[in-house]
Amino acid sequence: MDRNHSYFRRIRITSLSLLLISLILSPVCSGLTLEELAVRVETLEAENRELKAKITRLEAGQSALSETVDDVIDSPREDTGFVRFDNRYSYEMLDPTTRINRKQQLILEKKQSGELPENSVTLGGAVTAIADVQHSNTDSKFGYLMRHPTAANQRTKDVSEAVLHSVQIAVTGNMGSWVTAYGEILYDPEQSFGSGTITSLTRNQLQLRRGYVLIGNLDEAPLFLSLGKMATPFGLTDTVNPFTASTVWHAFGGLAYGVQAGYVKDGLTITLMGVQGGAQFRSHNTSVDDSNVPSKLNNYVVDANYTIPFGDDDDSIMVGASYTKGSAYCHDFPVLHFDSCRDHNPAYDLYAQLHLSDFLLHAEYAETTDEWPGTFNPTIPQFPAHEVVSWNLGGKYSAVLFDKDVDLSIDFSRFIAGPSGAPWENQDQLVLGIAGYITPSVKLFGEYIHTEGFVPLNFISGGNLGDGVTHSDSRAESDIFLMGFNAAF
């Protein structure tokens, strides 16, 4: 900017020079009298003052412009926030233990609080890696459900592993204040339904776990609508465990195509979901023309819960109930996942959750309204068909240790599928857990798990090993010591 100041100085010097030349030459050239010369000088001085004022104004304007340009050049460019990362949000959205089937409400809350800006895209992900040792009292029968309980996964009575359990990648796009698009990609070889071992290509695939368009703005209306592939709003299905899901989730946690509508206001949440018929991804099945083809929107789930706050520390109690027209427990003997059903089998769920200072307690009970036809094996007629039941009790205490948040938890859940004495009568799971948060989105955890009963859902009552034989075993027990990391970004 020094060149501009030099320019204005040259203008000022030139004007003064012209004034002096005029004073010297005017009397000589024109023969003016002293009075005339005095008038001429006064006129020139007035013109010079006016010229100086113009130059001063120009210099001030140029200086302000220079400072503005310098600020723009020297200051860092502001981030428009269109593409962004938020590790806390990613952790909450991808956490498989909390608000499992209420992620849409979480998005709406984040939008309302301003944590999800309008016209922005939020990218994130999570990685879970585990190591464990397991022991069973029965050869190749491990009841731990975080890995499919088959001989393709665990052999002999002692197994161990250090593996990548899952990877998730998610994108959340906010288009204005009402419309949000969400997609989540999952890699989970340990729980994949593909054939073979965890190193087989058929189990090392990526899947779109969830994907939907969500319409809602809680500042404007207490209603929301989502359309796509999503967790169905049946039950709570959460767990206090740092990693291991309860048997209620394994038995009734739903995932399906459909459309979901909800109402959220003053602690009351009501959700209705129209579920695509046929055999869905998890826990829902209604016959379509006596087949499992999902060619009709003929299933549904309804859920309602109410949260009552009390005390001064955000203490609250939530109670809720759910109902679905068609659970997954409708197959005839022999039972095979995703097969067609002759008729649907409804189910209901009752749950409660208490937040009390540093404690979290929850309870849940789910049951089908009719017997599961496939639990009757005609070659073992002494065991009649039975309803499917699962219930869960858990508690968690949160504390601070060495300036880090730490959770201590205990959880017990039971799955029941047969009458007393049947090999597939029940499978129990007890979990003792500890979790420490290295950062708000990085969790180091450890668990001890004890299971009693070995009750795989496929061929639960037999049909694959000959008459009167089943791979279910109520006497099988297993113990697991596990540690791992869950890191979100």
Foldseek 3Di string as FASTA:
>chain_A
DVVVVVVLVVVLVVLVVVLVVCLVCVCVPPVDDPVVSVVVNVVSVVVSVVVVVVSVVVVVVVVVVVVVVCCVVPDDDDDPQQEEEDQLLQLVLPQCFACQFPSLVVVQVCLQVCVDPANHKYKKKKWKWKKKKKFKPDFQAAQQPLAASGNLEDGGGIDIDTGTAKMKIKMWGHHGQFKIKIWMKMQGLRHDPFDGHSPDPRSGDIDTQDIWMKTDHVVVFQKIKIFFKGWAPAERQHALASDGGFVCCVAATGIAGWMKMWGDDDQKIKMKTQGFEAAGPAWFHFADVQWRDRPGSDKMKIKIKGWDADDDQRWIKMKMKMKIFATQLADAPPDDHRTGHPGGWMKMKIKMWTDDPQKIWMKMKMKTPDFRNNLQAVLCNVKHTGIKIKMKIKMKGWDADPNWIKIWMKMKMKIATTDPPQLQGIKIKIKTKMWIDPDSFKIKMKIKMKMFWRARRRSRNHDDPDRPDGPTGRHMMMIMIMIMMMGMD
